[in-house]
């Protein structure tokens, strides 16, 4: 999937910042689902990336990741 968030499949998210983009997933001709692609690059350079229905859910997942990795 080509997005505005990547160049050749590599995240362009700067250190210490987040990027998100909504996209629509077609599950069938009549069923579509809107999702949020989220990237956060920690100040140490490590990238966290996830997909969830909302930006708020992505940020909640990021916060869990930060707490579990003692960031």
Foldseek 3Di string as FASTA:
>chain_A
DDDPQDDPPHGPADEADKDKDWDWDDPDPPDIAIKMWMWHQYNVGDIDIDIGRDPVVVVVVVVVVCVVVVD
